[in-house]
Amino acid sequence: KLLMNDADYPGGSEILVTPIDVPVDEPIEFSLINALTTAIQHRPEVDQAILSIDNTSIREVVAANQRLPQLNLQLQARFQGLDNGLGALSNETDGDFVDYVVGLNFEQPIGNRAAEAGYIRRRLEREQAVLSYRNTVQQIVRDVKSSLRSVIRNYELIEQRRNSRIAASESLRTLEVENKEIRERSSERLELEFNRQESLANAERLEMESIAAFNSSVAQLYASMGTALERNNIAFVAPSAEDALQPGYSTDY
């Protein structure tokens, strides 16, 4: 109930949450290459790292352009009127006395240390983004391989604990058959029967725990591949900024 965080099912209520399906203990088929490819294609961390590389690459290009010298073309025109009073205004509109100025302004800072430092900073930021992308991919590979090993380990553990449960059950059944042949039971034999019943109960509990751990590891495997929502038939639609600002906007899942 706490994990669901549903207002209709508070933790203090007497409502019992029961699963609608039973945990499975069947083996699954998988391919390491396909699992890694799927994880790299669907994990959002990879897209975020790629966007970071694109962003830092653009900043690096801008910083590289800022190191270039500046050459500005200047054009200037001035109208003049040679007359007294308001007649000067009419001479200006006639265009008889016009001055033109054309110039080039070249600028190159000595040393250009500020631009060079800015470029080095942006270049290091891009290298950092590339390293972050590599670390992200390595982390995803480690998550997928760890999840696959957990699936294999928990599945093998199911078989081991199931054999232990069967052995405990046979041991208890053998003792019960022997008890039918014995009319009087001693306290030692009664204690032995209780111990074997307890061993069977523990074996059954461990078997169910291993089955639950196997199902959890399978769910973790799909989560590491970034397909947990698709596996549970959940469609998530991320709204755009324009849609989210619309009044009365709602998202259906």
Protein backbone atom coordinates (compact mmCIF):
# COMPACT_ATOMS: atom_id res chain seq x y z
CA LYS A 1 0.00 0.00 0.00
CA LEU A 2 2.87 2.37 0.78
CA LEU A 3 4.44 1.68 -2.60
CA MET A 4 1.12 2.20 -4.39
CA ASN A 5 0.59 5.53 -2.55
CA ASP A 6 -3.11 5.48 -3.41
CA ALA A 7 -5.45 7.66 -1.38
CA ASP A 8 -8.18 4.99 -1.67
CA TYR A 9 -5.90 2.36 -0.09
CA PRO A 10 -4.12 3.97 2.89
CA GLY A 11 -1.61 1.97 4.84
CA GLY A 12 -3.77 1.92 7.97
CA SER A 13 -6.82 0.45 6.24
CA GLU A 14 -7.90 -3.15 6.59
CA ILE A 15 -8.07 -3.64 2.83
CA LEU A 16 -5.91 -6.57 1.75
CA VAL A 17 -3.95 -6.12 -1.48
CA THR A 18 -3.69 -9.43 -3.32
CA PRO A 19 -2.00 -10.07 -6.68
CA ILE A 20 -4.16 -11.09 -9.60
CA ASP A 21 -1.54 -13.49 -10.97
CA VAL A 22 0.88 -15.99 -9.50
CA PRO A 23 4.67 -15.76 -9.69
CA VAL A 24 6.14 -17.81 -12.49
CA ASP A 25 9.16 -20.08 -12.24
CA GLU A 26 9.65 -20.83 -15.92
CA PRO A 27 12.98 -20.11 -17.65
CA ILE A 28 13.25 -17.19 -20.04
CA GLU A 29 15.24 -16.90 -23.24
CA PHE A 30 17.58 -13.95 -23.61
CA SER A 31 20.47 -12.71 -25.69
CA LEU A 32 23.15 -10.52 -24.19
CA ILE A 33 23.68 -8.61 -27.44
CA ASN A 34 19.97 -7.97 -27.92
CA ALA A 35 19.57 -6.94 -24.28
CA LEU A 36 22.46 -4.46 -24.51
CA THR A 37 21.21 -3.07 -27.83
CA THR A 38 17.71 -2.62 -26.44
CA ALA A 39 19.04 -0.92 -23.31
CA ILE A 40 21.15 1.57 -25.27
CA GLN A 41 18.20 2.37 -27.53
CA HIS A 42 15.61 2.82 -24.76
CA ARG A 43 17.44 4.09 -21.67
CA PRO A 44 16.81 7.85 -21.32
CA GLU A 45 20.27 8.40 -19.87
CA VAL A 46 21.79 7.72 -23.29
CA ASP A 47 19.61 10.34 -25.00
CA GLN A 48 20.46 12.83 -22.27
CA ALA A 49 24.19 12.18 -22.70
CA ILE A 50 23.92 12.60 -26.50
CA LEU A 51 22.07 15.90 -26.09
CA SER A 52 24.81 17.05 -23.73
CA ILE A 53 27.44 16.25 -26.37
CA ASP A 54 25.49 18.18 -29.02
CA ASN A 55 25.07 21.14 -26.69
CA THR A 56 28.75 21.31 -25.75
CA SER A 57 29.77 20.85 -29.40
CA ILE A 58 27.74 23.90 -30.42
CA ARG A 59 29.28 25.93 -27.61
CA GLU A 60 32.74 24.83 -28.71
CA VAL A 61 32.11 26.02 -32.26
CA VAL A 62 30.85 29.38 -30.97
CA ALA A 63 33.92 29.75 -28.76
CA ALA A 64 36.19 28.86 -31.68
CA ASN A 65 34.57 31.55 -33.83
CA GLN A 66 35.08 34.11 -31.09
CA ARG A 67 38.86 33.67 -31.43
CA LEU A 68 38.77 35.04 -34.99
CA PRO A 69 39.64 38.69 -35.63
CA GLN A 70 36.85 41.16 -36.30
CA LEU A 71 36.57 43.04 -39.60
CA ASN A 72 33.64 45.47 -39.73
CA LEU A 73 32.51 47.44 -42.78
CA GLN A 74 31.19 50.92 -41.95
CA LEU A 75 29.10 53.02 -44.33
CA GLN A 76 28.04 56.57 -43.48
CA ALA A 77 26.18 59.23 -45.45
CA ARG A 78 25.45 62.85 -44.39
CA PHE A 79 23.14 65.34 -46.09
CA GLN A 80 23.97 69.06 -45.82
CA GLY A 81 22.17 72.26 -46.75
CA LEU A 82 23.94 75.51 -47.70
CA ASP A 83 21.40 78.27 -47.11
CA ASN A 84 20.13 80.56 -44.43
CA GLY A 85 17.08 79.75 -42.34
CA LEU A 86 14.57 77.16 -43.47
CA GLY A 87 16.05 77.06 -46.94
CA ALA A 88 18.77 74.77 -45.66
CA LEU A 89 16.19 72.08 -45.08
CA SER A 90 15.09 72.13 -48.71
CA ASN A 91 18.74 71.82 -49.84
CA GLU A 92 19.17 68.73 -47.72
CA THR A 93 16.19 67.01 -49.32
CA ASP A 94 17.48 67.83 -52.79
CA GLY A 95 20.58 65.75 -52.22
CA ASP A 96 22.98 68.24 -53.78
CA PHE A 97 25.40 68.27 -50.86
CA VAL A 98 26.02 64.72 -49.61
CA ASP A 99 29.10 63.41 -47.80
CA TYR A 100 29.94 59.70 -47.95
CA VAL A 101 32.26 57.81 -45.62
CA VAL A 102 33.31 54.18 -46.21
CA GLY A 103 35.62 52.44 -43.77
CA LEU A 104 36.91 49.07 -42.58
CA ASN A 105 37.47 48.44 -38.89
CA PHE A 106 39.86 45.58 -38.08
CA GLU A 107 40.29 44.35 -34.51
CA GLN A 108 42.66 41.71 -33.22
CA PRO A 109 43.32 41.60 -29.44
CA ILE A 110 46.94 41.14 -28.49
CA GLY A 111 47.33 37.61 -27.12
CA ASN A 112 43.57 37.04 -27.37
CA ARG A 113 43.73 35.36 -23.97
CA ALA A 114 40.05 35.72 -23.06
CA ALA A 115 38.83 34.07 -26.27
CA GLU A 116 41.47 31.34 -26.08
CA ALA A 117 40.56 30.59 -22.47
CA GLY A 118 36.87 30.45 -23.37
CA TYR A 119 37.61 28.04 -26.22
CA ILE A 120 39.69 25.76 -23.99
CA ARG A 121 36.90 25.75 -21.43
CA ARG A 122 34.28 24.75 -24.01
CA ARG A 123 36.56 22.09 -25.44
CA LEU A 124 37.05 20.58 -21.99
CA GLU A 125 33.29 20.66 -21.43
CA ARG A 126 32.77 18.72 -24.64
CA GLU A 127 35.40 16.15 -23.64
CA GLN A 128 33.67 15.85 -20.29
CA ALA A 129 30.34 15.23 -22.05
CA VAL A 130 31.95 12.51 -24.18
CA LEU A 131 33.40 10.84 -21.08
CA SER A 132 30.01 11.10 -19.39
CA TYR A 133 28.42 9.37 -22.39
CA ARG A 134 30.98 6.57 -22.22
CA ASN A 135 30.46 6.16 -18.47
CA THR A 136 26.70 6.08 -19.01
CA VAL A 137 26.99 3.31 -21.59
CA GLN A 138 29.35 1.36 -19.32
CA GLN A 139 26.92 1.73 -16.43
CA ILE A 140 24.05 0.47 -18.59
CA VAL A 141 26.12 -2.52 -19.73
CA ARG A 142 26.95 -3.32 -16.13
CA ASP A 143 23.28 -3.03 -15.08
CA VAL A 144 22.12 -5.35 -17.85
CA LYS A 145 24.80 -7.97 -17.22
CA SER A 146 24.20 -7.82 -13.48
CA SER A 147 20.45 -8.25 -14.01
CA LEU A 148 21.02 -11.21 -16.32
CA ARG A 149 23.31 -12.89 -13.78
CA SER A 150 20.70 -12.29 -11.09
CA VAL A 151 18.02 -13.93 -13.24
CA ILE A 152 20.20 -16.99 -13.84
CA ARG A 153 21.25 -17.23 -10.19
CA ASN A 154 17.71 -16.93 -8.83
CA TYR A 155 16.36 -19.47 -11.33
CA GLU A 156 19.00 -21.99 -10.32
CA LEU A 157 18.19 -21.28 -6.69
CA ILE A 158 14.54 -22.20 -7.30
CA GLU A 159 15.54 -25.71 -8.41
CA GLN A 160 17.87 -26.17 -5.45
CA ARG A 161 15.32 -25.07 -2.88
CA ARG A 162 12.59 -27.08 -4.56
CA ASN A 163 14.70 -30.20 -4.20
CA SER A 164 15.24 -29.31 -0.55
CA ARG A 165 11.52 -28.93 -0.07
CA ILE A 166 10.82 -32.28 -1.74
CA ALA A 167 13.47 -33.93 0.42
CA ALA A 168 11.97 -32.43 3.58
CA SER A 169 8.51 -33.54 2.49
CA GLU A 170 9.68 -37.12 1.85
CA SER A 171 11.47 -37.17 5.19
CA LEU A 172 8.30 -36.12 6.99
CA ARG A 173 6.17 -38.57 5.02
CA THR A 174 8.54 -41.41 5.91
CA LEU A 175 8.31 -40.50 9.57
CA GLU A 176 4.52 -40.41 9.42
CA VAL A 177 4.45 -43.87 7.85
CA GLU A 178 6.71 -45.15 10.63
CA ASN A 179 4.48 -43.57 13.25
CA LYS A 180 1.51 -45.52 11.95
CA GLU A 181 3.36 -48.73 12.78
CA ILE A 182 4.24 -47.56 16.28
CA ARG A 183 1.42 -47.57 18.80
CA GLU A 184 3.17 -45.63 21.52
CA ARG A 185 5.19 -42.50 20.73
CA SER A 186 8.00 -41.21 22.86
CA SER A 187 8.74 -37.57 23.49
CA GLU A 188 11.89 -37.87 21.38
CA ARG A 189 9.94 -39.16 18.40
CA LEU A 190 7.32 -36.45 18.80
CA GLU A 191 10.07 -33.82 18.91
CA LEU A 192 11.59 -35.36 15.77
CA GLU A 193 8.25 -35.06 13.98
CA PHE A 194 7.94 -31.40 15.00
CA ASN A 195 11.46 -30.71 13.77
CA ARG A 196 10.76 -32.28 10.40
CA GLN A 197 7.52 -30.33 10.07
CA GLU A 198 9.43 -27.15 10.84
CA SER A 199 12.09 -28.08 8.29
CA LEU A 200 9.40 -28.61 5.67
CA ALA A 201 7.80 -25.25 6.47
CA ASN A 202 11.17 -23.49 6.19
CA ALA A 203 11.92 -25.26 2.91
CA GLU A 204 8.56 -24.18 1.49
CA ARG A 205 9.17 -20.59 2.62
CA LEU A 206 12.63 -20.52 1.05
CA GLU A 207 11.25 -21.92 -2.19
CA MET A 208 8.60 -19.20 -2.39
CA GLU A 209 11.20 -16.56 -1.58
CA SER A 210 13.41 -17.79 -4.43
CA ILE A 211 10.44 -17.69 -6.84
CA ALA A 212 9.65 -14.13 -5.75
CA ALA A 213 13.31 -13.15 -6.14
CA PHE A 214 13.34 -14.65 -9.64
CA ASN A 215 10.31 -12.61 -10.68
CA SER A 216 11.83 -9.49 -9.17
CA SER A 217 15.08 -10.09 -11.06
CA VAL A 218 13.15 -10.49 -14.32
CA ALA A 219 11.38 -7.18 -13.67
CA GLN A 220 14.74 -5.58 -12.88
CA LEU A 221 16.13 -6.92 -16.15
CA TYR A 222 13.41 -5.19 -18.17
CA ALA A 223 13.95 -2.04 -16.10
CA SER A 224 17.67 -2.10 -16.90
CA MET A 225 16.79 -2.41 -20.60
CA GLY A 226 14.42 0.55 -20.36
CA THR A 227 11.36 -1.48 -21.45
CA ALA A 228 9.59 -1.91 -18.11
CA LEU A 229 6.65 0.24 -19.20
CA GLU A 230 6.24 -1.60 -22.51
CA ARG A 231 6.36 -4.95 -20.70
CA ASN A 232 3.45 -3.88 -18.50
CA ASN A 233 1.52 -2.36 -21.45
CA ILE A 234 1.90 1.19 -20.10
CA ALA A 235 2.04 3.96 -22.71
CA PHE A 236 3.68 7.15 -21.45
CA VAL A 237 3.17 10.26 -23.56
CA ALA A 238 5.45 13.16 -22.65
CA PRO A 239 3.61 16.46 -23.25
CA SER A 240 5.35 19.25 -25.10
CA ALA A 241 5.88 22.63 -23.50
CA GLU A 242 3.21 24.22 -25.71
CA ASP A 243 0.61 21.56 -24.86
CA ALA A 244 1.33 21.74 -21.13
CA LEU A 245 0.63 25.47 -21.10
CA GLN A 246 -2.81 25.06 -22.63
CA PRO A 247 -5.68 25.53 -20.15
CA GLY A 248 -7.44 22.35 -19.15
CA TYR A 249 -4.67 20.13 -20.53
CA SER A 250 -4.63 16.56 -19.28
CA THR A 251 -2.66 13.45 -20.17
CA ASP A 252 -4.20 9.99 -20.46
CA TYR A 253 -2.07 6.93 -19.62
